[in-house]
Amino acid sequence: MTGRRLLFAVPVLLAVTFAVFAVADASPFDPVKAYAGTAGLTASQENLDQLRANLGVDQPLAVRWWEWITGALTGDLGHSAVMRQSVADVIAERIGWSVLLAALAFAAAVLAGTTLGVLAARRRGSLVDRAVTSLAYTLEAAPTFWLGLLAVWLFALQLGWLPAGGLTDTGSTTVTAGQLTTHVILPAAVLAASQLPWFALYVRQGVGDALDEDPVRGARARGLAEHTVLLGHALRSGLLPVLTLIGSRVPELITGALLVETVFSWPGIAAATVQAATAVDFPLLAATTVLATAAVLIGNLVADLLYGLADPRVGFDG
């Protein structure tokens, strides 16, 4: 299973990068004018053509794609026109902040979702169960960018408890632990809230079904304490479907990060992807898309491995 997934990843990544170049090539936006900015409005056609040649966008689609692929295999991801620096430097500067935000949000979503799901499963049909499911369906229906704007309006503008965005306080050029902590709370909480409903609902269903199974009823009949039955039997069985959910939520996590990083001006890879897309920056857009695709493939692989470890009946070589 693991070997097949790794082999499958190669053609997928190649197809994704080609699709990025094809879509960008068909875009009505001109990367040369985006690079030149206001100067492009008064530049002569000769100067624009020379700039087009310097950026390499005058070459056919297949040539641009192949040159980027061969360069990427040697570690050269090209030059970002919109960022005015190498793509490798853009990624190196930003990937750490994206990983930090996504890791905190995902961990919070899993922990909070599992806790709420267990509470709802223990007393299905109760007030707690209805409250948890109502909250989950409400968050599931709410757009991520709307949650972000609501959080900024409430906690930053109205209450003044947390900063509205960025990585440091206004006028500060140094990232300190204190500033980082206060600035990451809102974006991480919003991103976590966008992922929480699925974990809460999956855990509620899985644990609720496990509580009705014969082994759990037998454990209760033997006089085991309720928390032992819940944590030692029902929770372990009910969490198996959640392990597969971890991998499937990675694409949604990346999509949510695109919106969250934009709303909160978080200097991560997702924000760079938005800038690359609007400026039709071929090398940067291809590199960030490859990273996102690789994250999805790795997420699915990790989910399979976790499921195999949790359930020995599942093999890794099938």
Protein backbone atom coordinates (compact mmCIF):
# COMPACT_ATOMS: atom_id res chain seq x y z
CA MET A 1 0.00 0.00 0.00
CA THR A 2 2.72 2.46 0.99
CA GLY A 3 4.87 1.66 -2.04
CA ARG A 4 1.95 2.05 -4.43
CA ARG A 5 1.05 5.41 -2.96
CA LEU A 6 4.64 6.66 -3.32
CA LEU A 7 4.79 5.52 -6.95
CA PHE A 8 1.40 7.09 -7.62
CA ALA A 9 2.63 10.42 -6.24
CA VAL A 10 5.15 10.98 -9.06
CA PRO A 11 2.69 11.13 -12.01
CA VAL A 12 0.23 13.05 -9.86
CA LEU A 13 2.79 15.77 -9.10
CA LEU A 14 3.84 15.95 -12.77
CA ALA A 15 0.22 16.26 -13.89
CA VAL A 16 -0.53 18.92 -11.27
CA THR A 17 2.44 21.09 -12.27
CA PHE A 18 1.51 20.85 -15.97
CA ALA A 19 -2.08 21.76 -15.15
CA VAL A 20 -0.87 24.82 -13.21
CA PHE A 21 1.15 26.04 -16.19
CA ALA A 22 -1.73 25.32 -18.59
CA VAL A 23 -4.31 27.18 -16.50
CA ALA A 24 -1.96 30.11 -15.93
CA ASP A 25 -1.17 30.21 -19.65
CA ALA A 26 -4.88 30.39 -20.48
CA SER A 27 -5.43 33.14 -17.91
CA PRO A 28 -6.43 36.58 -19.26
CA PHE A 29 -3.95 38.21 -16.88
CA ASP A 30 -0.59 39.24 -18.32
CA PRO A 31 2.36 38.36 -16.04
CA VAL A 32 4.53 40.98 -17.75
CA LYS A 33 2.12 43.82 -16.96
CA ALA A 34 1.70 42.48 -13.43
CA TYR A 35 5.48 42.51 -13.00
CA ALA A 36 5.92 45.98 -14.52
CA GLY A 37 3.11 47.51 -12.49
CA THR A 38 2.24 51.10 -13.32
CA ALA A 39 5.39 51.40 -15.43
CA GLY A 40 3.87 48.93 -17.87
CA LEU A 41 1.13 51.41 -18.75
CA THR A 42 3.61 53.77 -20.44
CA ALA A 43 6.23 51.25 -21.59
CA SER A 44 6.72 50.66 -25.29
CA GLN A 45 5.81 47.38 -26.88
CA GLU A 46 9.49 46.74 -27.54
CA ASN A 47 10.30 47.09 -23.84
CA LEU A 48 7.38 44.84 -22.89
CA ASP A 49 8.54 42.21 -25.38
CA GLN A 50 12.07 42.38 -23.97
CA LEU A 51 10.74 41.99 -20.44
CA ARG A 52 8.61 39.07 -21.63
CA ALA A 53 11.73 37.37 -22.97
CA ASN A 54 13.67 38.09 -19.76
CA LEU A 55 10.92 36.47 -17.69
CA GLY A 56 10.75 33.52 -20.08
CA VAL A 57 7.01 33.79 -20.66
CA ASP A 58 7.46 34.19 -24.42
CA GLN A 59 8.26 30.49 -24.77
CA PRO A 60 5.68 27.78 -25.52
CA LEU A 61 3.79 26.23 -22.61
CA ALA A 62 5.49 22.83 -22.85
CA VAL A 63 8.95 24.40 -22.94
CA ARG A 64 8.31 26.54 -19.85
CA TRP A 65 6.92 23.55 -17.98
CA TRP A 66 9.80 21.22 -18.91
CA GLU A 67 12.43 23.82 -18.01
CA TRP A 68 10.79 24.31 -14.62
CA ILE A 69 10.60 20.54 -13.99
CA THR A 70 14.25 19.93 -14.91
CA GLY A 71 15.34 22.92 -12.84
CA ALA A 72 13.26 21.79 -9.85
CA LEU A 73 14.94 18.37 -9.92
CA THR A 74 18.29 20.12 -9.42
CA GLY A 75 16.93 22.40 -6.68
CA ASP A 76 16.33 25.44 -8.89
CA LEU A 77 12.65 26.39 -8.56
CA GLY A 78 13.06 29.53 -10.62
CA HIS A 79 12.61 33.23 -9.85
CA SER A 80 9.44 34.76 -8.51
CA ALA A 81 8.51 37.88 -10.45
CA VAL A 82 5.95 39.10 -7.92
CA MET A 83 8.22 38.60 -4.90
CA ARG A 84 11.39 39.73 -6.72
CA GLN A 85 13.43 36.85 -5.28
CA SER A 86 14.08 33.18 -5.90
CA VAL A 87 11.16 30.81 -5.32
CA ALA A 88 13.32 28.73 -2.97
CA ASP A 89 13.91 31.79 -0.78
CA VAL A 90 10.19 32.67 -0.78
CA ILE A 91 9.30 29.15 0.38
CA ALA A 92 12.10 29.00 2.95
CA GLU A 93 10.98 32.31 4.51
CA ARG A 94 7.30 31.40 4.68
CA ILE A 95 6.85 27.65 5.06
CA GLY A 96 7.67 27.65 8.77
CA TRP A 97 4.88 30.11 9.55
CA SER A 98 2.38 28.09 7.51
CA VAL A 99 3.36 24.84 9.20
CA LEU A 100 3.05 26.47 12.63
CA LEU A 101 -0.41 27.85 11.89
CA ALA A 102 -1.71 24.64 10.29
CA ALA A 103 -0.27 22.40 13.03
CA LEU A 104 -1.77 24.46 15.85
CA ALA A 105 -5.15 24.69 14.12
CA PHE A 106 -5.27 20.99 13.22
CA ALA A 107 -4.27 19.88 16.70
CA ALA A 108 -6.87 22.17 18.27
CA ALA A 109 -9.55 20.93 15.86
CA VAL A 110 -8.79 17.27 16.61
CA LEU A 111 -8.68 17.74 20.39
CA ALA A 112 -11.75 19.98 20.62
CA GLY A 113 -13.70 17.94 18.08
CA THR A 114 -12.92 14.66 19.84
CA THR A 115 -13.88 16.09 23.22
CA LEU A 116 -17.17 17.51 21.98
CA GLY A 117 -17.94 14.34 20.03
CA VAL A 118 -17.41 12.14 23.09
CA LEU A 119 -19.57 14.40 25.24
CA ALA A 120 -22.36 14.27 22.66
CA ALA A 121 -22.07 10.49 22.19
CA ARG A 122 -22.37 9.76 25.91
CA ARG A 123 -25.87 11.22 26.07
CA ARG A 124 -27.31 11.11 22.58
CA GLY A 125 -30.48 13.12 22.33
CA SER A 126 -29.65 15.21 25.39
CA LEU A 127 -29.24 18.96 25.56
CA VAL A 128 -25.46 18.62 25.29
CA ASP A 129 -25.80 16.45 22.20
CA ARG A 130 -28.15 18.92 20.51
CA ALA A 131 -25.89 21.83 21.40
CA VAL A 132 -22.78 20.10 20.00
CA THR A 133 -24.45 19.02 16.77
CA SER A 134 -26.00 22.47 16.29
CA LEU A 135 -22.61 24.13 16.78
CA ALA A 136 -20.98 21.66 14.38
CA TYR A 137 -23.53 22.21 11.62
CA THR A 138 -23.36 25.98 12.07
CA LEU A 139 -19.57 26.05 11.77
CA GLU A 140 -19.73 23.63 8.83
CA ALA A 141 -22.02 26.02 6.95
CA ALA A 142 -20.08 29.18 7.81
CA PRO A 143 -17.48 30.29 5.20
CA THR A 144 -13.96 30.44 6.59
CA PHE A 145 -13.36 34.00 5.46
CA TRP A 146 -16.59 35.08 7.20
CA LEU A 147 -15.44 33.46 10.44
CA GLY A 148 -12.14 35.30 10.08
CA LEU A 149 -13.76 38.68 9.51
CA LEU A 150 -16.17 38.07 12.41
CA ALA A 151 -13.26 37.19 14.70
CA VAL A 152 -11.38 40.35 13.70
CA TRP A 153 -14.44 42.51 14.25
CA LEU A 154 -15.27 41.00 17.65
CA PHE A 155 -11.96 40.22 19.34
CA ALA A 156 -9.73 42.85 17.72
CA LEU A 157 -11.93 45.85 16.91
CA GLN A 158 -14.72 45.64 19.48
CA LEU A 159 -13.07 44.00 22.51
CA GLY A 160 -9.45 44.81 21.70
CA TRP A 161 -8.26 41.55 23.22
CA LEU A 162 -6.12 40.37 20.31
CA PRO A 163 -4.36 41.93 17.29
CA ALA A 164 -6.20 41.96 13.98
CA GLY A 165 -3.44 40.36 11.97
CA GLY A 166 0.19 40.21 10.98
CA LEU A 167 3.05 38.59 12.82
CA THR A 168 4.32 41.48 14.96
CA ASP A 169 2.97 44.60 16.60
CA THR A 170 2.85 47.83 14.63
CA GLY A 171 6.30 49.40 14.38
CA SER A 172 8.08 46.25 15.53
CA THR A 173 10.58 44.52 13.24
CA THR A 174 11.53 41.66 15.57
CA VAL A 175 9.36 38.59 16.13
CA THR A 176 9.21 37.79 19.83
CA ALA A 177 7.58 34.81 21.52
CA GLY A 178 5.01 37.06 23.19
CA GLN A 179 4.02 38.80 19.97
CA LEU A 180 3.88 35.51 18.08
CA THR A 181 1.62 33.98 20.71
CA THR A 182 -0.90 36.81 20.64
CA HIS A 183 -0.87 37.12 16.86
CA VAL A 184 -1.33 33.41 16.13
CA ILE A 185 -4.34 32.87 18.42
CA LEU A 186 -7.02 34.36 16.16
CA PRO A 187 -5.95 32.82 12.82
CA ALA A 188 -5.30 29.43 14.43
CA ALA A 189 -8.66 29.51 16.22
CA VAL A 190 -10.54 30.41 13.03
CA LEU A 191 -8.76 27.73 11.00
CA ALA A 192 -9.45 25.20 13.78
CA ALA A 193 -13.12 26.19 13.91
CA SER A 194 -13.42 25.52 10.17
CA GLN A 195 -12.14 21.95 10.69
CA LEU A 196 -13.78 21.12 14.03
CA PRO A 197 -17.30 20.12 12.81
CA TRP A 198 -16.18 17.01 10.94
CA PHE A 199 -14.16 15.66 13.85
CA ALA A 200 -16.95 16.33 16.34
CA LEU A 201 -19.60 14.67 14.17
CA TYR A 202 -17.41 11.69 13.22
CA VAL A 203 -16.43 11.04 16.83
CA ARG A 204 -20.02 11.41 17.99
CA GLN A 205 -21.19 8.85 15.44
CA GLY A 206 -18.28 6.45 15.94
CA VAL A 207 -18.31 6.48 19.74
CA GLY A 208 -22.11 6.38 19.83
CA ASP A 209 -22.16 3.27 17.64
CA ALA A 210 -19.37 1.67 19.70
CA LEU A 211 -21.33 2.17 22.91
CA ASP A 212 -24.11 0.01 21.45
CA GLU A 213 -21.79 -2.86 20.49
CA ASP A 214 -21.80 -6.15 22.40
CA PRO A 215 -18.20 -5.89 23.72
CA VAL A 216 -18.96 -2.54 25.34
CA ARG A 217 -22.21 -3.82 26.80
CA GLY A 218 -20.28 -6.79 28.15
CA ALA A 219 -17.75 -4.49 29.78
CA ARG A 220 -20.57 -2.61 31.48
CA ALA A 221 -22.15 -5.88 32.59
CA ARG A 222 -18.87 -6.87 34.25
CA GLY A 223 -19.15 -3.77 36.40
CA LEU A 224 -16.36 -1.70 34.84
CA ALA A 225 -16.45 2.01 35.59
CA GLU A 226 -18.14 4.21 32.99
CA HIS A 227 -14.99 6.19 32.20
CA THR A 228 -13.10 2.89 31.70
CA VAL A 229 -15.77 1.64 29.32
CA LEU A 230 -15.80 4.94 27.45
CA LEU A 231 -12.07 5.57 27.18
CA GLY A 232 -10.78 2.02 27.09
CA HIS A 233 -13.34 0.42 24.78
CA ALA A 234 -15.76 2.75 23.01
CA LEU A 235 -13.35 5.58 22.27
CA ARG A 236 -10.68 3.35 20.73
CA SER A 237 -13.20 1.63 18.47
CA GLY A 238 -15.02 4.84 17.64
CA LEU A 239 -11.88 6.74 16.66
CA LEU A 240 -10.92 4.38 13.84
CA PRO A 241 -13.03 6.23 11.22
CA VAL A 242 -11.53 9.51 12.43
CA LEU A 243 -8.05 8.36 11.41
CA THR A 244 -9.12 8.23 7.76
CA LEU A 245 -10.73 11.64 8.21
CA ILE A 246 -7.34 13.14 9.12
CA GLY A 247 -6.00 12.53 5.63
CA SER A 248 -9.15 13.67 3.85
CA ARG A 249 -9.23 16.95 5.76
CA VAL A 250 -5.80 18.07 4.52
CA PRO A 251 -7.15 19.62 1.27
CA GLU A 252 -9.77 21.54 3.25
CA LEU A 253 -7.09 22.60 5.72
CA ILE A 254 -5.00 24.02 2.87
CA THR A 255 -8.00 25.78 1.35
CA GLY A 256 -8.89 27.25 4.72
CA ALA A 257 -5.31 28.36 5.24
CA LEU A 258 -5.44 30.28 1.94
CA LEU A 259 -8.36 32.32 3.25
CA VAL A 260 -7.15 32.64 6.84
CA GLU A 261 -3.64 33.79 5.91
CA THR A 262 -5.14 36.36 3.53
CA VAL A 263 -7.65 37.71 6.07
CA PHE A 264 -5.08 37.93 8.89
CA SER A 265 -2.09 39.00 6.73
CA TRP A 266 -0.21 35.93 7.95
CA PRO A 267 3.14 35.67 6.09
CA GLY A 268 2.81 32.05 5.03
CA ILE A 269 2.91 29.95 1.89
CA ALA A 270 -0.85 30.20 1.37
CA ALA A 271 -0.71 34.00 1.18
CA ALA A 272 2.16 33.73 -1.32
CA THR A 273 0.03 31.36 -3.41
CA VAL A 274 -2.73 33.95 -3.64
CA GLN A 275 -0.22 36.60 -4.75
CA ALA A 276 1.30 34.22 -7.29
CA ALA A 277 -2.13 33.39 -8.72
CA THR A 278 -3.22 37.02 -9.08
CA ALA A 279 0.11 37.97 -10.70
CA VAL A 280 0.30 34.79 -12.86
CA ASP A 281 3.72 34.03 -11.38
CA PHE A 282 4.35 30.64 -13.05
CA PRO A 283 7.36 29.37 -11.02
CA LEU A 284 6.01 30.38 -7.61
CA LEU A 285 2.50 29.15 -8.40
CA ALA A 286 3.84 25.77 -9.56
CA ALA A 287 6.06 25.37 -6.49
CA THR A 288 3.34 26.23 -3.97
CA THR A 289 0.85 23.97 -5.76
CA VAL A 290 3.33 21.09 -5.66
CA LEU A 291 3.76 21.67 -1.93
CA ALA A 292 0.00 21.60 -1.40
CA THR A 293 -0.39 18.44 -3.49
CA ALA A 294 2.48 16.75 -1.64
CA ALA A 295 0.84 17.67 1.68
CA VAL A 296 -2.41 16.03 0.56
CA LEU A 297 -0.62 12.85 -0.55
CA ILE A 298 1.37 12.70 2.69
CA GLY A 299 -1.80 13.25 4.71
CA ASN A 300 -3.50 10.30 3.01
CA LEU A 301 -0.41 8.14 3.57
CA VAL A 302 -0.23 9.07 7.26
CA ALA A 303 -3.93 8.31 7.67
CA ASP A 304 -3.41 4.84 6.18
CA LEU A 305 -0.43 4.19 8.46
CA LEU A 306 -2.31 5.34 11.55
CA TYR A 307 -5.29 3.19 10.66
CA GLY A 308 -3.00 0.20 10.18
CA LEU A 309 -1.36 0.75 13.55
CA ALA A 310 -4.71 1.14 15.29
CA ASP A 311 -6.26 -1.89 13.58
CA PRO A 312 -3.76 -4.75 13.03
CA ARG A 313 -6.22 -6.42 10.68
CA VAL A 314 -5.31 -3.77 8.08
CA GLY A 315 -2.10 -4.61 6.24
CA PHE A 316 0.49 -2.18 4.89
CA ASP A 317 1.48 -4.28 1.91
CA GLY A 318 -1.93 -4.83 0.36
